[in-house]
């Protein structure tokens, strides 16, 4: 069985380092990027099973990257987990243009993040096996 691949996109190097180390310890393959433009290119090239992205980054934001991934037929199925600054809210209209499945506020619990990643990758595997598209976010984040 192949290992699941996670793309981690964040402009804060310590977040990239912590998440990369944690998910590799758990047996995932990781790819990292430091902004939305680099993240979009990596997603198109590496086709990860899940993307974890920060919302606020210089240049292309996580939300813009998520919308571009959703618009691209090759990456539209990729589930995203978005990290935001505490108190930053995303509207349902913004999320409807993406495949963001979960939003967590920084600072976040590593345990909660790992549980959400596990949940989303299991759901994605079930959807792929069933031949359906992954579930769309229904709002409420």
Protein backbone atom coordinates (compact mmCIF):
# COMPACT_ATOMS: atom_id res chain seq x y z
CA UNK A 1 0.00 0.00 0.00
CA UNK A 2 1.39 3.43 -0.89
CA UNK A 3 1.80 6.10 1.75
CA UNK A 4 -0.53 9.07 1.68
CA UNK A 5 0.95 12.39 0.56
CA UNK A 6 0.24 15.73 2.23
CA UNK A 7 1.12 19.12 0.78
CA UNK A 8 1.77 21.69 3.53
CA UNK A 9 1.66 25.35 2.46
CA UNK A 10 2.61 28.05 4.97
CA UNK A 11 4.86 31.11 4.88
CA UNK A 12 6.02 30.50 8.47
CA UNK A 13 9.04 28.18 8.35
CA UNK A 14 8.55 26.86 11.88
CA UNK A 15 4.99 25.75 11.06
CA UNK A 16 6.28 23.96 7.95
CA UNK A 17 9.02 22.31 9.98
CA UNK A 18 6.76 21.18 12.83
CA UNK A 19 4.02 19.82 10.55
CA UNK A 20 6.46 18.13 8.18
CA UNK A 21 8.22 16.38 11.04
CA UNK A 22 4.94 15.34 12.72
CA UNK A 23 3.30 13.90 9.61
CA UNK A 24 6.45 12.13 8.45
CA UNK A 25 6.70 10.51 11.92
CA UNK A 26 3.13 9.30 11.37
CA UNK A 27 4.08 7.69 8.03
CA UNK A 28 2.86 10.32 5.56
CA UNK A 29 4.92 11.60 2.65
CA UNK A 30 5.10 15.39 2.81
CA UNK A 31 5.72 18.12 0.27
CA UNK A 32 6.01 21.74 1.36
CA UNK A 33 5.58 25.19 -0.15
CA UNK A 34 5.97 28.69 1.27
CA UNK A 35 3.21 30.55 -0.58
CA UNK A 36 0.05 29.96 -2.59
CA UNK A 37 1.75 30.16 -5.99
CA UNK A 38 4.35 27.57 -5.02
CA UNK A 39 1.64 25.48 -3.35
CA UNK A 40 -0.52 25.50 -6.47
CA UNK A 41 2.42 24.36 -8.61
CA UNK A 42 3.32 21.62 -6.13
CA UNK A 43 -0.28 20.38 -5.98
CA UNK A 44 -0.44 20.18 -9.78
CA UNK A 45 2.89 18.34 -9.97
CA UNK A 46 2.71 16.07 -6.93
CA UNK A 47 -1.08 15.47 -6.72
CA UNK A 48 -1.19 15.00 -2.93
CA UNK A 49 -4.00 13.25 -1.08
CA UNK A 50 -4.60 16.34 1.07
CA UNK A 51 -3.47 19.98 1.22
CA UNK A 52 -2.94 21.82 4.51
CA UNK A 53 -2.65 25.54 3.87
CA UNK A 54 -2.41 28.79 5.77
CA UNK A 55 -4.99 31.39 4.77
CA UNK A 56 -2.89 34.55 4.94
CA UNK A 57 0.32 34.44 2.93
CA UNK A 58 2.10 37.04 0.82
CA UNK A 59 1.21 37.00 -2.87
CA UNK A 60 -1.35 34.27 -3.53
CA UNK A 61 -3.36 33.56 -0.37
CA UNK A 62 -4.44 30.10 0.73
CA UNK A 63 -8.01 30.94 -0.29
CA UNK A 64 -6.93 32.03 -3.79
CA UNK A 65 -4.83 28.88 -4.14
CA UNK A 66 -7.78 26.75 -3.00
CA UNK A 67 -10.06 28.37 -5.59
CA UNK A 68 -7.48 27.76 -8.34
CA UNK A 69 -7.13 24.12 -7.31
CA UNK A 70 -10.93 23.71 -7.37
CA UNK A 71 -11.10 25.26 -10.86
CA UNK A 72 -8.43 22.93 -12.28
CA UNK A 73 -9.89 19.56 -13.41
CA UNK A 74 -6.68 17.76 -12.39
CA UNK A 75 -6.81 19.05 -8.79
CA UNK A 76 -10.48 19.81 -8.15
CA UNK A 77 -10.90 16.65 -6.06
CA UNK A 78 -8.14 17.53 -3.55
CA UNK A 79 -9.48 18.14 -0.04
CA UNK A 80 -8.00 21.11 1.81
CA UNK A 81 -7.62 21.87 5.48
CA UNK A 82 -7.12 25.59 6.11
CA UNK A 83 -5.29 27.20 9.03
CA UNK A 84 -6.31 30.75 9.98
CA UNK A 85 -5.42 33.36 12.54
CA UNK A 86 -7.74 33.21 15.52
CA UNK A 87 -10.84 35.28 14.88
CA UNK A 88 -10.53 35.28 11.09
CA UNK A 89 -13.79 34.01 9.62
CA UNK A 90 -14.37 32.72 6.10
CA UNK A 91 -17.74 33.25 4.51
CA UNK A 92 -19.79 30.43 3.04
CA UNK A 93 -19.55 32.20 -0.34
CA UNK A 94 -15.73 32.14 -0.14
CA UNK A 95 -15.66 28.48 0.84
CA UNK A 96 -18.11 27.43 -1.90
CA UNK A 97 -15.46 28.34 -4.49
CA UNK A 98 -12.98 25.93 -2.89
CA UNK A 99 -12.68 22.38 -1.65
CA UNK A 100 -11.82 23.45 1.90
CA UNK A 101 -13.22 20.70 4.12
CA UNK A 102 -12.07 22.02 7.50
CA UNK A 103 -10.81 25.29 9.02
CA UNK A 104 -8.67 25.36 12.19
CA UNK A 105 -7.57 28.50 14.03
CA UNK A 106 -3.95 29.17 14.97
CA UNK A 107 -2.69 28.35 17.47
CA UNK A 108 -4.06 24.87 16.83
CA UNK A 109 -3.84 21.63 18.70
CA UNK A 110 -1.50 19.21 16.91
CA UNK A 111 -3.67 16.36 18.18
CA UNK A 112 -6.80 17.95 16.63
CA UNK A 113 -4.96 18.62 13.36
CA UNK A 114 -3.75 15.01 13.13
CA UNK A 115 -7.28 13.74 13.85
CA UNK A 116 -8.76 15.98 11.12
CA UNK A 117 -6.10 14.90 8.60
CA UNK A 118 -6.81 11.26 9.39
CA UNK A 119 -10.55 11.84 9.00
CA UNK A 120 -10.17 13.68 5.69
CA UNK A 121 -7.75 11.18 4.16
CA UNK A 122 -10.02 8.26 5.18
CA UNK A 123 -13.01 10.05 3.64
CA UNK A 124 -11.02 10.73 0.47
CA UNK A 125 -9.99 7.08 0.22
CA UNK A 126 -13.61 5.96 0.60
CA UNK A 127 -14.72 8.44 -2.09
CA UNK A 128 -11.97 7.35 -4.49
CA UNK A 129 -12.85 3.70 -3.93
CA UNK A 130 -16.52 4.45 -4.54
CA UNK A 131 -15.66 6.47 -7.65
CA UNK A 132 -17.43 9.59 -6.36
CA UNK A 133 -16.13 13.09 -5.90
CA UNK A 134 -15.16 13.99 -2.33
CA UNK A 135 -17.86 15.75 -0.31
CA UNK A 136 -18.23 19.50 -0.68
CA UNK A 137 -18.03 21.71 2.36
CA UNK A 138 -21.45 22.72 3.59
CA UNK A 139 -20.37 25.91 5.33
CA UNK A 140 -20.63 26.75 8.97
CA UNK A 141 -16.92 27.26 9.59
